């Protein structure tokens, strides 16, 4: 009996861990939609932290925007967030999915920035070449004008001498 008691206690502990800590809410948001909501909230929070006046300038409340976009209310979001967070491993997977999406967006944004930077640099070089060519052309025209003036002066002197 002494050997069976520890096994029963361990079994009772392990079987009690299987119970849901938080019951599913009445209006359960599907996992994919919840990931999208959390992703959008992450983006809006990042915007608010990077440039606090950006959202205030347009009078955007990030949470109200999300609630309207996904047609949910704050209570429903809190209940669903609590439900999903009660499963630590599942919640961690959700956040890893969100992080992967954010990383993908960062890479594509960096690529776009590099492309734009190259375009701007190429445009600057083209403008500088154009300015240089105009300057060269104006110097050339000035020299041609000087040569013409010198020729006309020489012709006038030749006429006077003859």
N, C-alpha and C. Protein backbone atom coordinates (compact mmCIF):
# COMPACT_ATOMS: atom_id res chain seq x y z
N UNK A 1 0.83 -1.19 0.00
CA UNK A 1 0.00 0.00 0.00
C UNK A 1 0.87 1.25 0.00
N UNK A 2 2.01 1.20 0.69
CA UNK A 2 2.89 2.36 0.76
C UNK A 2 3.48 2.68 -0.61
N UNK A 3 3.69 1.66 -1.45
CA UNK A 3 4.27 1.88 -2.78
C UNK A 3 3.21 2.38 -3.77
N UNK A 4 1.98 2.03 -3.57
CA UNK A 4 0.90 2.41 -4.48
C UNK A 4 0.48 3.87 -4.24
N UNK A 5 0.56 4.35 -3.04
CA UNK A 5 0.13 5.70 -2.68
C UNK A 5 0.87 6.77 -3.48
N UNK A 6 2.20 6.75 -3.58
CA UNK A 6 2.89 7.78 -4.39
C UNK A 6 2.45 7.75 -5.86
N UNK A 7 2.23 6.57 -6.41
CA UNK A 7 1.77 6.47 -7.80
C UNK A 7 0.39 7.08 -7.98
N UNK A 8 -0.49 6.86 -7.00
CA UNK A 8 -1.82 7.44 -7.06
C UNK A 8 -1.77 8.96 -6.96
N UNK A 9 -0.91 9.47 -6.13
CA UNK A 9 -0.78 10.93 -5.98
C UNK A 9 -0.25 11.54 -7.28
N UNK A 10 0.78 10.93 -7.86
CA UNK A 10 1.34 11.43 -9.13
C UNK A 10 0.29 11.35 -10.23
N UNK A 11 -0.44 10.25 -10.28
CA UNK A 11 -1.49 10.10 -11.29
C UNK A 11 -2.57 11.16 -11.12
N UNK A 12 -2.96 11.43 -9.88
CA UNK A 12 -3.98 12.45 -9.61
C UNK A 12 -3.50 13.83 -10.04
N UNK A 13 -2.22 14.13 -9.78
CA UNK A 13 -1.67 15.43 -10.17
C UNK A 13 -1.63 15.56 -11.69
N UNK A 14 -1.15 14.54 -12.35
CA UNK A 14 -1.05 14.58 -13.81
C UNK A 14 -2.41 14.66 -14.47
N UNK A 15 -3.37 13.93 -13.94
CA UNK A 15 -4.70 13.95 -14.56
C UNK A 15 -5.41 15.26 -14.26
N UNK A 16 -5.10 15.91 -13.17
CA UNK A 16 -5.74 17.20 -12.86
C UNK A 16 -5.17 18.31 -13.74
N UNK A 17 -3.97 18.15 -14.25
CA UNK A 17 -3.36 19.16 -15.13
C UNK A 17 -4.01 19.18 -16.50
N UNK A 18 -4.70 18.14 -16.86
CA UNK A 18 -5.31 18.05 -18.17
C UNK A 18 -6.56 18.92 -18.29
N UNK A 19 -7.15 19.30 -17.18
CA UNK A 19 -8.37 20.09 -17.21
C UNK A 19 -8.08 21.47 -17.78
N UNK A 20 -9.09 22.01 -18.49
CA UNK A 20 -8.96 23.36 -19.00
C UNK A 20 -9.01 24.35 -17.84
N UNK A 21 -8.03 25.23 -17.82
CA UNK A 21 -7.99 26.24 -16.77
C UNK A 21 -9.06 27.28 -17.03
N UNK A 22 -9.19 27.66 -18.28
CA UNK A 22 -10.18 28.65 -18.67
C UNK A 22 -11.11 28.01 -19.70
N UNK A 23 -12.38 28.16 -19.48
CA UNK A 23 -13.35 27.60 -20.42
C UNK A 23 -13.41 28.48 -21.67
N UNK A 24 -13.75 27.86 -22.77
CA UNK A 24 -13.88 28.59 -24.04
C UNK A 24 -14.99 29.62 -23.91
N UNK A 25 -14.76 30.84 -24.37
CA UNK A 25 -15.80 31.87 -24.29
C UNK A 25 -16.97 31.55 -25.22
N UNK A 26 -18.09 32.19 -24.97
CA UNK A 26 -19.29 31.96 -25.77
C UNK A 26 -19.05 32.31 -27.24
N UNK A 27 -18.38 33.41 -27.48
CA UNK A 27 -18.09 33.87 -28.84
C UNK A 27 -16.59 33.67 -29.10
N UNK A 28 -16.22 32.43 -29.36
CA UNK A 28 -14.83 32.10 -29.57
C UNK A 28 -14.35 32.62 -30.93
N UNK A 29 -13.28 33.39 -30.90
CA UNK A 29 -12.66 33.87 -32.13
C UNK A 29 -11.74 32.76 -32.60
N UNK A 30 -11.85 32.41 -33.88
CA UNK A 30 -11.00 31.33 -34.38
C UNK A 30 -9.53 31.74 -34.31
N UNK A 31 -8.69 30.75 -34.19
CA UNK A 31 -7.26 30.96 -33.94
C UNK A 31 -6.62 31.87 -35.00
N UNK A 32 -6.90 31.62 -36.27
CA UNK A 32 -6.31 32.42 -37.35
C UNK A 32 -6.69 33.88 -37.26
N UNK A 33 -7.96 34.13 -36.94
CA UNK A 33 -8.44 35.50 -36.80
C UNK A 33 -7.78 36.16 -35.59
N UNK A 34 -7.61 35.39 -34.52
CA UNK A 34 -6.97 35.92 -33.31
C UNK A 34 -5.51 36.28 -33.61
N UNK A 35 -4.84 35.46 -34.39
CA UNK A 35 -3.45 35.77 -34.78
C UNK A 35 -3.42 37.06 -35.58
N UNK A 36 -4.37 37.23 -36.50
CA UNK A 36 -4.42 38.46 -37.29
C UNK A 36 -4.66 39.69 -36.41
N UNK A 37 -5.54 39.54 -35.43
CA UNK A 37 -5.82 40.65 -34.51
C UNK A 37 -4.56 41.01 -33.73
N UNK A 38 -3.89 40.01 -33.20
CA UNK A 38 -2.68 40.26 -32.42
C UNK A 38 -1.57 40.84 -33.30
N UNK A 39 -1.50 40.41 -34.55
CA UNK A 39 -0.51 40.94 -35.49
C UNK A 39 -0.78 42.42 -35.75
N UNK A 40 -2.04 42.75 -36.04
CA UNK A 40 -2.39 44.16 -36.29
C UNK A 40 -2.12 45.02 -35.06
N UNK A 41 -2.45 44.48 -33.89
CA UNK A 41 -2.16 45.23 -32.66
C UNK A 41 -0.66 45.46 -32.49
N UNK A 42 0.14 44.47 -32.85
CA UNK A 42 1.60 44.61 -32.75
C UNK A 42 2.09 45.71 -33.68
N UNK A 43 1.57 45.74 -34.88
CA UNK A 43 1.97 46.77 -35.85
C UNK A 43 1.58 48.16 -35.34
N UNK A 44 0.35 48.29 -34.86
CA UNK A 44 -0.12 49.60 -34.38
C UNK A 44 0.65 50.04 -33.14
N UNK A 45 0.96 49.11 -32.24
CA UNK A 45 1.75 49.45 -31.06
C UNK A 45 3.17 49.87 -31.45
N UNK A 46 3.73 49.20 -32.45
CA UNK A 46 5.06 49.59 -32.92
C UNK A 46 5.03 50.98 -33.52
N UNK A 47 3.97 51.28 -34.27
CA UNK A 47 3.83 52.63 -34.83
C UNK A 47 3.74 53.66 -33.72
N UNK A 48 2.96 53.34 -32.70
CA UNK A 48 2.77 54.27 -31.59
C UNK A 48 4.09 54.50 -30.84
N UNK A 49 4.89 53.43 -30.69
CA UNK A 49 6.16 53.56 -29.98
C UNK A 49 7.22 54.27 -30.81
N UNK A 50 7.23 54.04 -32.12
CA UNK A 50 8.22 54.67 -32.99
C UNK A 50 7.94 56.16 -33.16
N UNK A 51 6.70 56.49 -33.42
CA UNK A 51 6.31 57.87 -33.66
C UNK A 51 4.97 58.12 -32.99
N UNK A 52 4.99 58.53 -31.73
CA UNK A 52 3.75 58.67 -30.97
C UNK A 52 2.72 59.61 -31.59
N UNK A 53 3.18 60.60 -32.34
CA UNK A 53 2.24 61.56 -32.91
C UNK A 53 1.57 61.04 -34.17
N UNK A 54 2.09 59.95 -34.76
CA UNK A 54 1.54 59.48 -36.03
C UNK A 54 0.08 59.06 -35.90
N UNK A 55 -0.26 58.32 -34.87
CA UNK A 55 -1.65 57.90 -34.69
C UNK A 55 -2.50 59.02 -34.10
N UNK A 56 -1.90 59.84 -33.24
CA UNK A 56 -2.65 60.94 -32.64
C UNK A 56 -3.01 61.99 -33.68
N UNK A 57 -2.11 62.18 -34.65
CA UNK A 57 -2.32 63.17 -35.69
C UNK A 57 -3.62 62.91 -36.45
N UNK A 58 -3.89 61.63 -36.72
CA UNK A 58 -5.10 61.25 -37.44
C UNK A 58 -6.21 60.78 -36.51
N UNK A 59 -6.00 60.96 -35.22
CA UNK A 59 -6.98 60.61 -34.19
C UNK A 59 -7.42 59.15 -34.31
N UNK A 60 -6.41 58.26 -34.35
CA UNK A 60 -6.68 56.83 -34.46
C UNK A 60 -6.41 56.18 -33.11
N UNK A 61 -7.43 55.52 -32.57
CA UNK A 61 -7.26 54.71 -31.38
C UNK A 61 -7.08 53.28 -31.87
N UNK A 62 -5.89 52.73 -31.66
CA UNK A 62 -5.55 51.44 -32.25
C UNK A 62 -6.50 50.33 -31.85
N UNK A 63 -6.88 50.27 -30.60
CA UNK A 63 -7.77 49.19 -30.16
C UNK A 63 -9.17 49.35 -30.75
N UNK A 64 -9.68 50.56 -30.78
CA UNK A 64 -11.00 50.77 -31.38
C UNK A 64 -10.98 50.42 -32.86
N UNK A 65 -9.88 50.77 -33.52
CA UNK A 65 -9.73 50.44 -34.94
C UNK A 65 -9.78 48.92 -35.15
N UNK A 66 -9.06 48.18 -34.32
CA UNK A 66 -9.03 46.72 -34.42
C UNK A 66 -10.41 46.13 -34.14
N UNK A 67 -11.07 46.65 -33.13
CA UNK A 67 -12.40 46.13 -32.77
C UNK A 67 -13.38 46.34 -33.92
N UNK A 68 -13.31 47.51 -34.57
CA UNK A 68 -14.20 47.76 -35.70
C UNK A 68 -13.82 46.90 -36.89
N UNK A 69 -12.54 46.76 -37.14
CA UNK A 69 -12.07 45.99 -38.30
C UNK A 69 -12.51 44.53 -38.22
N UNK A 70 -12.39 43.94 -37.04
CA UNK A 70 -12.71 42.52 -36.88
C UNK A 70 -14.11 42.29 -36.30
N UNK A 71 -14.85 43.36 -36.11
CA UNK A 71 -16.23 43.28 -35.61
C UNK A 71 -16.32 42.51 -34.29
N UNK A 72 -15.48 42.92 -33.34
CA UNK A 72 -15.49 42.34 -32.00
C UNK A 72 -15.56 43.48 -31.00
N UNK A 73 -15.78 43.14 -29.74
CA UNK A 73 -15.74 44.17 -28.71
C UNK A 73 -14.61 43.84 -27.75
N UNK A 74 -14.34 44.77 -26.85
CA UNK A 74 -13.19 44.63 -25.95
C UNK A 74 -13.34 43.43 -25.02
N UNK A 75 -14.56 43.18 -24.55
CA UNK A 75 -14.79 42.05 -23.64
C UNK A 75 -14.52 40.73 -24.37
N UNK A 76 -15.02 40.64 -25.59
CA UNK A 76 -14.80 39.43 -26.38
C UNK A 76 -13.30 39.22 -26.62
N UNK A 77 -12.58 40.29 -26.92
CA UNK A 77 -11.13 40.17 -27.15
C UNK A 77 -10.42 39.70 -25.88
N UNK A 78 -10.76 40.31 -24.75
CA UNK A 78 -10.11 39.95 -23.48
C UNK A 78 -10.40 38.49 -23.12
N UNK A 79 -11.65 38.07 -23.26
CA UNK A 79 -12.00 36.68 -22.95
C UNK A 79 -11.25 35.70 -23.86
N UNK A 80 -11.19 36.00 -25.14
CA UNK A 80 -10.49 35.12 -26.07
C UNK A 80 -8.99 35.13 -25.83
N UNK A 81 -8.45 36.29 -25.52
CA UNK A 81 -7.01 36.37 -25.24
C UNK A 81 -6.67 35.56 -23.99
N UNK A 82 -7.53 35.65 -22.99
CA UNK A 82 -7.33 34.87 -21.76
C UNK A 82 -7.43 33.37 -22.06
N UNK A 83 -8.39 33.01 -22.89
CA UNK A 83 -8.58 31.60 -23.24
C UNK A 83 -7.35 31.07 -23.99
N UNK A 84 -6.88 31.80 -24.99
CA UNK A 84 -5.73 31.34 -25.76
C UNK A 84 -4.44 31.36 -24.93
N UNK A 85 -4.32 32.33 -24.05
CA UNK A 85 -3.10 32.41 -23.23
C UNK A 85 -3.05 31.33 -22.15
N UNK A 86 -4.20 30.71 -21.85
CA UNK A 86 -4.19 29.63 -20.85
C UNK A 86 -3.46 28.40 -21.36
N UNK A 87 -3.37 28.27 -22.68
CA UNK A 87 -2.59 27.18 -23.28
C UNK A 87 -1.24 27.77 -23.68
N UNK A 88 -0.27 27.63 -22.80
CA UNK A 88 1.03 28.28 -22.98
C UNK A 88 1.68 27.91 -24.31
N UNK A 89 1.72 26.64 -24.64
CA UNK A 89 2.39 26.19 -25.86
C UNK A 89 1.68 26.72 -27.11
N UNK A 90 0.37 26.67 -27.10
CA UNK A 90 -0.40 27.19 -28.24
C UNK A 90 -0.21 28.69 -28.40
N UNK A 91 -0.20 29.40 -27.28
CA UNK A 91 -0.03 30.85 -27.30
C UNK A 91 1.37 31.20 -27.80
N UNK A 92 2.34 30.42 -27.38
CA UNK A 92 3.72 30.64 -27.84
C UNK A 92 3.80 30.44 -29.35
N UNK A 93 3.13 29.42 -29.86
CA UNK A 93 3.11 29.18 -31.30
C UNK A 93 2.45 30.34 -32.05
N UNK A 94 1.40 30.91 -31.46
CA UNK A 94 0.75 32.06 -32.07
C UNK A 94 1.72 33.23 -32.17
N UNK A 95 2.44 33.48 -31.09
CA UNK A 95 3.39 34.59 -31.10
C UNK A 95 4.56 34.33 -32.04
N UNK A 96 4.97 33.08 -32.18
CA UNK A 96 6.03 32.76 -33.13
C UNK A 96 5.56 33.01 -34.56
N UNK A 97 4.30 32.71 -34.82
CA UNK A 97 3.72 32.97 -36.14
C UNK A 97 3.67 34.47 -36.42
N UNK A 98 3.29 35.23 -35.40
CA UNK A 98 3.24 36.69 -35.54
C UNK A 98 4.65 37.24 -35.77
N UNK A 99 5.61 36.74 -35.02
CA UNK A 99 6.99 37.20 -35.17
C UNK A 99 7.52 36.88 -36.57
N UNK A 100 7.18 35.71 -37.08
CA UNK A 100 7.62 35.33 -38.44
C UNK A 100 7.04 36.29 -39.47
N UNK A 101 5.77 36.65 -39.31
CA UNK A 101 5.15 37.61 -40.23
C UNK A 101 5.80 38.97 -40.14
N UNK A 102 6.10 39.40 -38.92
CA UNK A 102 6.76 40.69 -38.74
C UNK A 102 8.16 40.69 -39.35
N UNK A 103 8.89 39.61 -39.14
CA UNK A 103 10.23 39.49 -39.73
C UNK A 103 10.18 39.53 -41.24
N UNK A 104 9.18 38.86 -41.81
CA UNK A 104 9.02 38.84 -43.27
C UNK A 104 8.75 40.26 -43.77
N UNK A 105 7.90 41.00 -43.06
CA UNK A 105 7.60 42.38 -43.44
C UNK A 105 8.83 43.28 -43.31
N UNK A 106 9.64 43.04 -42.29
CA UNK A 106 10.85 43.83 -42.11
C UNK A 106 11.79 43.61 -43.29
N UNK A 107 11.95 42.36 -43.68
CA UNK A 107 12.84 42.05 -44.81
C UNK A 107 12.33 42.68 -46.10
N UNK A 108 11.04 42.58 -46.36
CA UNK A 108 10.51 43.18 -47.59
C UNK A 108 10.61 44.70 -47.55
N UNK A 109 10.41 45.28 -46.38
CA UNK A 109 10.54 46.73 -46.24
C UNK A 109 11.98 47.16 -46.46
N UNK A 110 12.92 46.42 -45.90
CA UNK A 110 14.33 46.75 -46.11
C UNK A 110 14.70 46.65 -47.58
N UNK A 111 14.16 45.65 -48.26
CA UNK A 111 14.43 45.50 -49.69
C UNK A 111 13.88 46.70 -50.46
N UNK A 112 12.66 47.11 -50.13
CA UNK A 112 12.07 48.28 -50.79
C UNK A 112 12.87 49.54 -50.52
N UNK A 113 13.36 49.68 -49.30
CA UNK A 113 14.17 50.85 -48.96
C UNK A 113 15.46 50.86 -49.77
N UNK A 114 16.09 49.69 -49.91
CA UNK A 114 17.32 49.61 -50.71
C UNK A 114 17.05 49.98 -52.17
N UNK A 115 15.95 49.48 -52.71
CA UNK A 115 15.60 49.79 -54.10
C UNK A 115 15.37 51.29 -54.27
N UNK A 116 14.62 51.88 -53.33
CA UNK A 116 14.36 53.32 -53.40
C UNK A 116 15.65 54.12 -53.27
N UNK A 117 16.54 53.69 -52.38
CA UNK A 117 17.81 54.38 -52.19
C UNK A 117 18.63 54.33 -53.47
N UNK A 118 18.64 53.17 -54.13
CA UNK A 118 19.36 53.05 -55.40
C UNK A 118 18.75 53.95 -56.47
N UNK A 119 17.42 54.01 -56.53
CA UNK A 119 16.76 54.87 -57.50
C UNK A 119 17.11 56.34 -57.26
N UNK A 120 17.09 56.75 -56.00
CA UNK A 120 17.41 58.13 -55.66
C UNK A 120 18.86 58.44 -56.03
N UNK A 121 19.77 57.51 -55.72
CA UNK A 121 21.18 57.71 -56.05
C UNK A 121 21.37 57.79 -57.57
N UNK A 122 20.70 56.93 -58.32
CA UNK A 122 20.80 56.96 -59.77
C UNK A 122 20.26 58.26 -60.34
N UNK A 123 19.17 58.74 -59.77
CA UNK A 123 18.58 60.00 -60.21
C UNK A 123 19.52 61.16 -59.92
N UNK A 124 20.16 61.14 -58.76
CA UNK A 124 21.12 62.19 -58.40
C UNK A 124 22.29 62.20 -59.36
N UNK A 125 22.80 61.00 -59.68
CA UNK A 125 23.94 60.90 -60.61
C UNK A 125 23.53 61.42 -61.98
N UNK A 126 22.34 61.08 -62.43
CA UNK A 126 21.85 61.56 -63.73
C UNK A 126 21.73 63.07 -63.74
N UNK A 127 21.22 63.64 -62.64
CA UNK A 127 21.10 65.10 -62.55
C UNK A 127 22.46 65.77 -62.55
N UNK A 128 23.42 65.18 -61.83
CA UNK A 128 24.77 65.73 -61.80
C UNK A 128 25.41 65.67 -63.18
N UNK A 129 25.20 64.57 -63.90
CA UNK A 129 25.74 64.45 -65.26
C UNK A 129 25.12 65.51 -66.17
N UNK A 130 23.81 65.70 -66.01
CA UNK A 130 23.13 66.71 -66.81
C UNK A 130 23.67 68.10 -66.51
N UNK A 131 23.85 68.42 -65.24
CA UNK A 131 24.42 69.72 -64.86
C UNK A 131 25.82 69.88 -65.43
N UNK A 132 26.60 68.81 -65.31
CA UNK A 132 27.97 68.84 -65.83
C UNK A 132 27.96 69.06 -67.34
N UNK A 133 27.06 68.38 -68.03
CA UNK A 133 26.97 68.51 -69.48
C UNK A 133 26.53 69.92 -69.85
N UNK A 134 25.57 70.47 -69.13
CA UNK A 134 25.13 71.84 -69.39
C UNK A 134 26.26 72.83 -69.17
N UNK A 135 27.02 72.60 -68.09
CA UNK A 135 28.15 73.49 -67.82
C UNK A 135 29.19 73.38 -68.93
N UNK A 136 29.47 72.16 -69.35
CA UNK A 136 30.43 71.95 -70.45
C UNK A 136 29.92 72.59 -71.72
N UNK A 137 28.63 72.43 -72.01
CA UNK A 137 28.05 73.03 -73.21
C UNK A 137 28.10 74.55 -73.15
N UNK A 138 27.82 75.12 -71.98
CA UNK A 138 27.85 76.58 -71.86
C UNK A 138 29.28 77.11 -72.00
N UNK A 139 30.26 76.38 -71.48
CA UNK A 139 31.66 76.78 -71.64
C UNK A 139 32.05 76.70 -73.12
N UNK A 140 31.62 75.63 -73.77
CA UNK A 140 31.92 75.45 -75.19
C UNK A 140 31.28 76.57 -76.01
N UNK A 141 30.02 76.91 -75.71
CA UNK A 141 29.34 78.00 -76.41
C UNK A 141 30.04 79.33 -76.17
N UNK A 142 30.48 79.51 -74.94
CA UNK A 142 31.19 80.75 -74.61
C UNK A 142 32.49 80.85 -75.41
N UNK A 143 33.21 79.76 -75.51
CA UNK A 143 34.46 79.75 -76.29
C UNK A 143 34.16 80.00 -77.76
N UNK A 144 33.11 79.37 -78.28
CA UNK A 144 32.74 79.58 -79.68
C UNK A 144 32.38 81.04 -79.91
N UNK A 145 31.67 81.63 -78.94
CA UNK A 145 31.28 83.03 -79.05
C UNK A 145 32.52 83.92 -79.05
N UNK A 146 33.49 83.59 -78.19
CA UNK A 146 34.73 84.36 -78.13
C UNK A 146 35.50 84.25 -79.45
N UNK A 147 35.52 83.05 -80.01
CA UNK A 147 36.21 82.84 -81.30
C UNK A 147 35.52 83.65 -82.38
N UNK A 148 34.18 83.64 -82.40
CA UNK A 148 33.44 84.41 -83.40
C UNK A 148 33.71 85.90 -83.24
N UNK A 149 33.70 86.37 -81.96
CA UNK A 149 33.97 87.78 -81.72
C UNK A 149 35.39 88.14 -82.16
N UNK A 150 36.32 87.25 -81.85
CA UNK A 150 37.71 87.51 -82.27
C UNK A 150 37.81 87.53 -83.79
N UNK A 151 37.10 86.64 -84.46
CA UNK A 151 37.10 86.62 -85.92
C UNK A 151 36.49 87.90 -86.48
N UNK A 152 35.39 88.34 -85.89
CA UNK A 152 34.74 89.56 -86.38
C UNK A 152 35.63 90.78 -86.14
N UNK A 153 36.32 90.79 -85.00
CA UNK A 153 37.24 91.91 -84.73
C UNK A 153 38.39 91.88 -85.73
N UNK A 154 38.91 90.73 -86.00
CA UNK A 154 40.00 90.58 -86.97
C UNK A 154 39.53 91.03 -88.36
N UNK A 155 38.32 90.67 -88.73
CA UNK A 155 37.79 91.06 -90.04
C UNK A 155 37.66 92.58 -90.12
N UNK A 156 37.19 93.20 -89.03
CA UNK A 156 37.05 94.65 -89.01
C UNK A 156 38.41 95.31 -89.16
N UNK A 157 39.42 94.80 -88.45
CA UNK A 157 40.78 95.36 -88.55
C UNK A 157 41.31 95.18 -89.97
N UNK A 158 41.04 94.04 -90.57
CA UNK A 158 41.51 93.81 -91.93
C UNK A 158 40.85 94.77 -92.91
N UNK A 159 39.62 95.09 -92.72
CA UNK A 159 38.90 96.01 -93.59
C UNK A 159 39.48 97.43 -93.47
N UNK A 160 39.77 97.77 -92.19
CA UNK A 160 40.32 99.12 -91.98
C UNK A 160 41.71 99.23 -92.60
N UNK A 161 42.46 98.18 -92.55
CA UNK A 161 43.80 98.19 -93.09
C UNK A 161 43.76 98.14 -94.63
N UNK A 162 42.79 97.61 -95.19
CA UNK A 162 42.78 97.54 -96.64
C UNK A 162 42.16 98.70 -97.29
